[in-house]
Every structure is written in C-alpha cells, then in structure tokens.
Amino acid sequence: MILYSVLDLSPILEGGDASLAFRNTLDLAKHVEHWGYHRFWLAEHHNMLGIASAATSVVIGHVASGTSRIRVGSGGIMLPNHAPLVIAEQFGTLEALYPGRIDLGIGRAPGGDQNTARALRRSLGSSGDTFPQDLMELRSYFQPAAPEQLVKAIPGAGLKIPIYLLGSSDFSARLAAELGLPFAFASHFAPDYLFPALDLYRKGFKPSAMLDRPHVIVGVNIFSADTDDEARHLFTSMQQQFLNLVRGHPRQLQPPVDAMEWNPLEEMHVARMTRCSAVGAPETVRQQLVHLLDQTGANEVIATAQIFDHAARLHSFELAAGVFEEINSAIGVR
C-alpha cells in the first residue's frame, strides 16, 4: 500500500495575510484527515513573503488541536537554526499534548537566504557541517533520562517521537541509511538528485530499532481539477512562485494566469525545478503518479499544492485522494 500525505507551506495569498493562511491550513488539515491522508506536515521557511509557517512547531500545535486522528509534524525543522534541546522540548511538548500523532522531520538547509540564516543562528555555533552531531544530541534527549544526567528535555525524555530525515542531495540519504531512519526527498522543488539519493539510501540502509527496512517518501506537486486545462491553469500560481524565486524577487502566492510571461531560459529552469509534479484531471494525475511510483519505488507520497483559490485547493486534494485509493486498489489486485 502506498501511503499518501500532505506537505503544507501555509501559503500567504496576494491580498491576504498570515491569519488567513493559518485558517486555510487548518481547514485543509480537517478535510484531508476525512479523505484518508496519513500525515500533515508543515515546513520551516524564513523571510519568505508567501510562506507563513516559519514558527513551525507553533503551527503544528494549531493543526493538531483542530484534528483528531491524522499525524501532524514537520517537513521539516531546519535543525542548524536551533539548539537541539529547544527542538526536543518543543516536540516533547507537542507529543505530550497530542500523544501518538507527532512526527519530527529534520533537515539541514537554512530554510531561507544566508542573511536570514545568520540572523537565526547568531551565536549557536551550528551549521550544516555539524548536522550529524546536532542530530545525535537531539535524539539523545528523547532517550529515558539517567539520574545523573545534567541536562534533560522536560517534556521530551523517554517519548517515542519518530524522526525522519529530509534532503535534496546524497548527504541526508547516507545519514538516514546509516541510522536506519525514514528518508524523505524534496523532489517537489529540487528533483535533480532524486534517483542517486534513493539508490544510496536503499543500498546503505542499516536496520534500526525504529525501522527494519527502508522507508522512502517523495515530495510531489499535485494539481488536480475536473479537466486537464483547469489543472494546468491552477498550476501557473506555483510556476509564478518559482519564477519569482529564479528572478530573486519572491512574492506572495499569485492568482493563476492564462499565459506565463517568461523567457526560454526561465521556462526551462522552472520546468526543471517542478518536474516532479502531477497536473491534470484525475486520470492524468493517476498516470503520472503511477509512472513516478514505478520509477522511485516510494513507500509514501507527500503531496503539496500551492493553489491560490482555497476551494480549488480542497478539490484538488479530494480528487488526489481518490486517485491514491485507485492506485492502492490496483496494487491489492496484483
């Protein structure tokens, strides 16, 4: 069976604000819980005009409080931005409030530009280079505390919070394999090293107390609508978002347009960044997802959709849930 999940960036719409973004995020979480999605993750990004989920742990609590069954977590927390003890305490608190429902996805990127990274990290003395040590420290805080232990995560110590490693290169793939952790690849925006990273992860995987075999999650942009043309129209909002990043002028999420205004080099660059996307009516999306699953052998798809109109966004995730049910039914028949 293929698990299907959601990655939400709490998009701030042109003409909207963060309050609206958070209302839409919670509404989406309630709906996808009803439609059978496995987990709902939020991502840490900073200094991004179109993304409201910078205080990721806070938004996770907001979503978990408004849902009852779906797993909620981070996709991910950018660990070099934080002292490991702080993350242990935050997620220990979340797990204490919503037991058995919290995931901790961890990444090593800054989640923003270098100036923002310096503002976040200040005197932490942490970086992507110290990521393995920071991760080991974080994991240690979730172990049962020893009586003589000088620093304890309270809450956090002794809590079984599953950790996932996220990445867009081979670094986290190798580390996840060495530690026997699940691995999520950020193919929804950085697909270039998808296949080499998955190959390294599977070949190097060592079973652990958490996981006895590799678990691969791939990120996919899913834009579904009643027709292919309508889905492609919705997709232009995300294409504009990536185009603005390419041009160095990030903006709030824009309404869809009838035609993109870009030069051939920009179009090629955006197409490369978004090539792990399924866009179309349900049958078109099904064909694209089956092809991706055949290529990757993924255990789980985590879907994201930067769709401007909230009702259209809900409809897209509802249609996608039906597609995943069809795929799983077909797997069961084989």
Protein backbone atom coordinates (compact mmCIF):
# COMPACT_ATOMS: atom_id res chain seq x y z
CA MET A 1 0.00 0.00 0.00
CA ILE A 2 1.18 3.50 -0.83
CA LEU A 3 0.73 5.99 1.99
CA TYR A 4 -0.34 9.46 0.90
CA SER A 5 0.26 12.59 2.94
CA VAL A 6 0.27 16.40 2.75
CA LEU A 7 3.05 18.97 2.95
CA ASP A 8 1.60 22.43 3.57
CA LEU A 9 3.52 25.71 3.43
CA SER A 10 0.63 27.81 4.81
CA PRO A 11 0.70 29.95 1.65
CA ILE A 12 0.12 33.69 2.08
CA LEU A 13 -2.03 34.79 -0.83
CA GLU A 14 -1.70 38.06 -2.69
CA GLY A 15 -4.16 40.34 -0.89
CA GLY A 16 -4.28 38.02 2.14
CA ASP A 17 -2.29 37.69 5.34
CA ALA A 18 -0.90 35.09 7.72
CA SER A 19 -4.16 34.86 9.66
CA LEU A 20 -5.97 33.74 6.52
CA ALA A 21 -3.13 31.36 5.70
CA PHE A 22 -3.46 29.65 9.08
CA ARG A 23 -7.24 29.38 8.80
CA ASN A 24 -6.85 27.78 5.40
CA THR A 25 -4.16 25.42 6.70
CA LEU A 26 -6.36 24.14 9.49
CA ASP A 27 -9.35 23.80 7.18
CA LEU A 28 -7.24 21.81 4.73
CA ALA A 29 -5.98 19.55 7.54
CA LYS A 30 -9.52 18.80 8.68
CA HIS A 31 -10.56 17.88 5.16
CA VAL A 32 -7.57 15.69 4.31
CA GLU A 33 -7.97 13.85 7.61
CA HIS A 34 -11.50 12.94 6.45
CA TRP A 35 -10.19 11.93 2.99
CA GLY A 36 -7.74 9.39 4.40
CA TYR A 37 -4.38 11.16 4.20
CA HIS A 38 -1.80 9.66 6.54
CA ARG A 39 0.07 12.72 7.83
CA PHE A 40 0.07 16.51 7.56
CA TRP A 41 3.47 18.17 7.62
CA LEU A 42 4.44 21.84 7.78
CA ALA A 43 7.73 23.31 6.61
CA GLU A 44 10.14 25.77 8.21
CA HIS A 45 10.89 28.67 5.87
CA HIS A 46 12.07 32.14 6.86
CA ASN A 47 11.93 35.58 5.27
CA MET A 48 9.62 34.24 2.53
CA LEU A 49 6.76 36.59 1.67
CA GLY A 50 4.48 33.77 0.53
CA ILE A 51 5.01 31.28 3.38
CA ALA A 52 3.55 31.64 6.88
CA SER A 53 4.90 28.51 8.60
CA ALA A 54 8.17 29.96 9.94
CA ALA A 55 7.27 29.15 13.57
CA THR A 56 6.68 25.56 12.54
CA SER A 57 6.18 24.00 15.97
CA VAL A 58 3.50 26.57 16.81
CA VAL A 59 1.58 25.86 13.60
CA ILE A 60 1.87 22.10 14.20
CA GLY A 61 0.15 22.63 17.55
CA HIS A 62 -2.56 24.69 15.83
CA VAL A 63 -3.24 21.90 13.33
CA ALA A 64 -3.05 19.07 15.85
CA SER A 65 -5.53 20.84 18.15
CA GLY A 66 -8.07 21.10 15.33
CA THR A 67 -7.79 17.50 14.13
CA SER A 68 -8.16 14.17 15.89
CA ARG A 69 -6.50 11.29 14.00
CA ILE A 70 -4.10 12.44 11.30
CA ARG A 71 -0.42 12.51 12.16
CA VAL A 72 0.99 16.05 12.29
CA GLY A 73 4.60 17.10 12.06
CA SER A 74 7.43 18.96 10.39
CA GLY A 75 8.65 18.63 6.86
CA GLY A 76 10.88 19.87 8.20
CA ILE A 77 12.53 21.58 11.10
CA MET A 78 15.86 23.01 9.90
CA LEU A 79 17.97 21.78 12.80
CA PRO A 80 21.03 24.05 12.30
CA ASN A 81 18.75 27.02 13.07
CA HIS A 82 18.04 25.73 16.58
CA ALA A 83 19.66 24.36 19.69
CA PRO A 84 18.78 20.63 19.73
CA LEU A 85 17.45 20.91 23.29
CA VAL A 86 14.90 23.53 22.20
CA ILE A 87 13.55 21.24 19.47
CA ALA A 88 13.45 18.31 21.90
CA GLU A 89 11.41 20.38 24.34
CA GLN A 90 9.08 21.72 21.65
CA PHE A 91 8.33 18.33 20.16
CA GLY A 92 8.23 16.73 23.59
CA THR A 93 5.54 19.26 24.45
CA LEU A 94 3.63 18.51 21.23
CA GLU A 95 3.83 14.76 21.85
CA ALA A 96 2.62 15.23 25.44
CA LEU A 97 -0.34 17.27 24.18
CA TYR A 98 -1.19 15.02 21.20
CA PRO A 99 0.24 11.59 22.06
CA GLY A 100 0.96 9.21 19.22
CA ARG A 101 0.35 11.78 16.48
CA ILE A 102 3.54 13.86 16.21
CA ASP A 103 6.31 13.43 13.60
CA LEU A 104 9.68 15.19 13.63
CA GLY A 105 11.08 15.65 10.14
CA ILE A 106 14.57 17.16 10.20
CA GLY A 107 16.56 19.00 7.52
CA ARG A 108 19.96 20.68 7.41
CA ALA A 109 19.27 23.55 4.98
CA PRO A 110 18.79 27.11 6.30
CA GLY A 111 15.18 27.41 5.13
CA GLY A 112 15.95 30.85 3.72
CA ASP A 113 18.78 33.02 2.44
CA GLN A 114 22.19 33.29 4.07
CA ASN A 115 21.47 36.66 5.72
CA THR A 116 18.40 35.13 7.36
CA ALA A 117 20.41 32.09 8.44
CA ARG A 118 22.92 34.35 10.19
CA ALA A 119 20.11 36.25 11.91
CA LEU A 120 18.58 32.98 13.12
CA ARG A 121 21.75 31.27 14.25
CA ARG A 122 23.75 34.14 15.76
CA SER A 123 25.94 32.53 18.43
CA LEU A 124 24.58 28.99 18.16
CA GLY A 125 27.82 27.87 16.54
CA SER A 126 25.82 25.40 14.49
CA SER A 127 25.80 24.76 10.75
CA GLY A 128 25.09 22.12 8.18
CA ASP A 129 28.58 20.79 8.89
CA THR A 130 27.64 19.96 12.48
CA PHE A 131 24.30 18.44 11.49
CA PRO A 132 25.18 14.80 12.35
CA GLN A 133 26.36 15.79 15.83
CA ASP A 134 23.33 18.03 16.38
CA LEU A 135 21.04 15.20 15.29
CA MET A 136 22.67 12.75 17.70
CA GLU A 137 22.30 15.27 20.52
CA LEU A 138 18.64 15.78 19.66
CA ARG A 139 17.96 12.04 19.59
CA SER A 140 19.68 11.62 22.95
CA TYR A 141 17.18 13.95 24.60
CA PHE A 142 14.34 11.58 23.65
CA GLN A 143 16.02 8.67 25.45
CA PRO A 144 14.95 7.91 29.04
CA ALA A 145 16.87 10.35 31.23
CA ALA A 146 19.56 8.94 33.53
CA PRO A 147 19.53 10.11 37.17
CA GLU A 148 22.97 11.70 36.83
CA GLN A 149 22.16 13.39 33.51
CA LEU A 150 22.82 17.12 33.84
CA VAL A 151 20.56 18.34 31.00
CA LYS A 152 17.17 16.77 30.33
CA ALA A 153 14.38 17.59 27.88
CA ILE A 154 11.26 18.05 30.00
CA PRO A 155 8.99 17.11 28.37
CA GLY A 156 10.75 15.00 25.80
CA ALA A 157 12.82 12.43 27.68
CA GLY A 158 11.52 8.91 27.13
CA LEU A 159 8.98 9.90 24.48
CA LYS A 160 8.86 7.87 21.27
CA ILE A 161 8.75 10.62 18.66
CA PRO A 162 9.56 9.26 15.18
CA ILE A 163 12.34 11.13 13.39
CA TYR A 164 12.53 11.44 9.60
CA LEU A 165 15.48 12.83 7.67
CA LEU A 166 14.73 15.20 4.80
CA GLY A 167 17.06 16.13 2.00
CA SER A 168 17.63 17.08 -1.62
CA SER A 169 21.09 15.53 -2.04
CA ASP A 170 23.04 12.47 -1.00
CA PHE A 171 24.10 13.79 2.44
CA SER A 172 20.90 13.08 4.35
CA ALA A 173 20.30 9.93 2.28
CA ARG A 174 23.58 8.46 3.54
CA LEU A 175 22.93 9.57 7.12
CA ALA A 176 19.37 8.20 7.13
CA ALA A 177 20.69 4.88 5.83
CA GLU A 178 23.44 4.73 8.45
CA LEU A 179 21.00 5.47 11.30
CA GLY A 180 18.14 3.34 9.98
CA LEU A 181 15.72 6.27 9.70
CA PRO A 182 12.99 7.01 7.14
CA PHE A 183 14.09 9.33 4.34
CA ALA A 184 12.02 11.99 2.58
CA PHE A 185 13.38 13.54 -0.61
CA ALA A 186 12.41 17.11 -1.54
CA SER A 187 11.66 16.22 -5.15
CA HIS A 188 8.75 18.68 -5.24
CA PHE A 189 11.25 21.54 -5.71
CA ALA A 190 14.73 20.01 -6.07
CA PRO A 191 14.43 16.78 -8.07
CA ASP A 192 17.93 16.67 -9.61
CA TYR A 193 19.46 14.07 -7.24
CA LEU A 194 16.30 12.08 -6.54
CA PHE A 195 17.36 8.76 -8.02
CA PRO A 196 21.02 8.75 -6.88
CA ALA A 197 19.92 9.67 -3.34
CA LEU A 198 17.29 6.92 -3.18
CA ASP A 199 19.79 4.39 -4.51
CA LEU A 200 22.36 5.36 -1.88
CA TYR A 201 19.74 5.23 0.86
CA ARG A 202 18.49 1.77 -0.06
CA LYS A 203 21.93 0.26 -0.64
CA GLY A 204 23.38 1.64 2.60
CA PHE A 205 20.36 1.10 4.86
CA LYS A 206 21.04 -0.49 8.24
CA PRO A 207 18.02 -1.75 10.22
CA SER A 208 17.38 0.06 13.49
CA ALA A 209 15.04 -0.09 16.48
CA MET A 210 12.78 2.31 14.60
CA LEU A 211 12.82 0.75 11.15
CA ASP A 212 13.70 -2.70 9.82
CA ARG A 213 13.69 -1.75 6.12
CA PRO A 214 14.00 1.47 4.10
CA HIS A 215 11.04 3.83 4.02
CA VAL A 216 11.10 6.31 1.12
CA ILE A 217 8.91 9.40 0.94
CA VAL A 218 8.91 11.52 -2.20
CA GLY A 219 7.52 15.03 -2.47
CA VAL A 220 5.19 15.67 -5.43
CA ASN A 221 3.29 18.77 -6.54
CA ILE A 222 -0.24 17.57 -7.24
CA PHE A 223 -2.63 19.89 -9.05
CA SER A 224 -5.87 18.14 -9.93
CA ALA A 225 -9.12 19.53 -11.29
CA ASP A 226 -12.07 18.34 -13.33
CA THR A 227 -10.18 18.91 -16.60
CA ASP A 228 -6.54 18.94 -17.67
CA ASP A 229 -6.84 22.54 -18.83
CA GLU A 230 -8.21 23.71 -15.49
CA ALA A 231 -5.44 21.92 -13.59
CA ARG A 232 -2.75 23.45 -15.81
CA HIS A 233 -4.32 26.86 -15.17
CA LEU A 234 -4.12 26.34 -11.40
CA PHE A 235 -0.52 25.21 -11.77
CA THR A 236 0.53 28.64 -13.06
CA SER A 237 0.35 30.02 -9.49
CA MET A 238 3.19 27.76 -8.48
CA GLN A 239 5.07 28.38 -11.71
CA GLN A 240 4.92 32.11 -10.94
CA GLN A 241 6.20 31.42 -7.43
CA PHE A 242 9.24 29.55 -8.76
CA LEU A 243 9.78 32.14 -11.47
CA ASN A 244 9.89 34.89 -8.86
CA LEU A 245 12.49 32.90 -6.92
CA VAL A 246 14.57 32.47 -10.08
CA ARG A 247 14.40 36.23 -10.62
CA GLY A 248 15.33 36.91 -6.99
CA HIS A 249 12.03 38.61 -6.16
CA PRO A 250 9.88 36.26 -4.05
CA ARG A 251 6.26 37.35 -3.64
CA GLN A 252 3.03 36.21 -2.07
CA LEU A 253 1.19 33.43 -3.90
CA GLN A 254 -0.27 34.90 -7.09
CA PRO A 255 -3.60 34.12 -8.81
CA PRO A 256 -3.34 31.81 -11.83
CA VAL A 257 -2.81 33.36 -15.25
CA ASP A 258 -3.83 32.39 -18.76
CA ALA A 259 -0.25 32.51 -20.02
CA MET A 260 3.14 32.68 -18.33
CA GLU A 261 5.42 35.57 -19.22
CA TRP A 262 8.98 34.26 -19.18
CA ASN A 263 11.95 33.80 -21.45
CA PRO A 264 13.03 30.33 -22.64
CA LEU A 265 15.82 30.03 -20.05
CA GLU A 266 13.44 30.91 -17.20
CA GLU A 267 10.85 28.47 -18.50
CA MET A 268 13.44 25.70 -18.68
CA HIS A 269 14.65 26.43 -15.15
CA VAL A 270 11.14 26.40 -13.65
CA ALA A 271 10.28 23.22 -15.58
CA ARG A 272 13.37 21.52 -14.15
CA MET A 273 12.52 22.51 -10.58
CA THR A 274 8.89 21.39 -10.90
CA ARG A 275 9.26 18.24 -12.93
CA CYS A 276 8.11 16.03 -10.02
CA SER A 277 4.55 17.23 -10.50
CA ALA A 278 1.27 15.57 -11.38
CA VAL A 279 -1.03 18.04 -13.11
CA GLY A 280 -4.38 17.28 -14.69
CA ALA A 281 -7.75 15.62 -14.34
CA PRO A 282 -7.77 12.54 -12.06
CA GLU A 283 -6.91 10.02 -14.80
CA THR A 284 -4.00 12.17 -15.97
CA VAL A 285 -2.75 12.53 -12.40
CA ARG A 286 -3.10 8.78 -11.86
CA GLN A 287 -0.94 8.01 -14.89
CA GLN A 288 1.72 10.50 -13.80
CA LEU A 289 1.79 9.18 -10.22
CA VAL A 290 1.97 5.54 -11.32
CA HIS A 291 4.94 6.43 -13.52
CA LEU A 292 6.69 8.20 -10.64
CA LEU A 293 5.98 5.33 -8.25
CA ASP A 294 7.31 2.83 -10.76
CA GLN A 295 10.48 4.92 -11.12
CA THR A 296 11.09 5.54 -7.40
CA GLY A 297 9.50 2.56 -5.64
CA ALA A 298 8.40 5.06 -2.99
CA ASN A 299 6.53 3.85 0.08
CA GLU A 300 4.81 7.18 0.53
CA VAL A 301 3.95 10.26 -1.49
CA ILE A 302 3.75 13.60 0.30
CA ALA A 303 1.72 15.97 -1.82
CA THR A 304 1.92 19.73 -1.88
CA ALA A 305 -0.17 22.19 -3.89
CA GLN A 306 0.34 25.94 -3.98
CA ILE A 307 -3.14 26.68 -5.32
CA PHE A 308 -4.42 30.22 -4.97
CA ASP A 309 -8.14 29.54 -4.57
CA HIS A 310 -8.80 27.65 -1.34
CA ALA A 311 -11.87 25.83 -2.66
CA ALA A 312 -9.92 24.68 -5.72
CA ARG A 313 -7.10 23.55 -3.43
CA LEU A 314 -9.50 21.45 -1.37
CA HIS A 315 -11.00 19.97 -4.52
CA SER A 316 -7.53 19.06 -5.81
CA PHE A 317 -6.64 17.17 -2.63
CA GLU A 318 -10.02 15.42 -2.64
CA LEU A 319 -9.53 14.28 -6.24
CA ALA A 320 -5.97 13.18 -5.43
CA ALA A 321 -7.22 11.07 -2.51
CA GLY A 322 -9.49 9.23 -4.93
CA VAL A 323 -6.54 8.66 -7.26
CA PHE A 324 -4.45 7.18 -4.45
CA GLU A 325 -7.32 4.89 -3.48
CA GLU A 326 -7.45 3.65 -7.08
CA ILE A 327 -3.69 3.07 -7.12
CA ASN A 328 -3.83 1.14 -3.85
CA SER A 329 -6.77 -0.94 -5.10
CA ALA A 330 -4.78 -1.84 -8.20
CA ILE A 331 -1.77 -2.79 -6.04
CA GLY A 332 -4.02 -5.03 -3.97
CA VAL A 333 -5.25 -6.83 -7.08
CA ARG A 334 -1.76 -7.68 -8.38
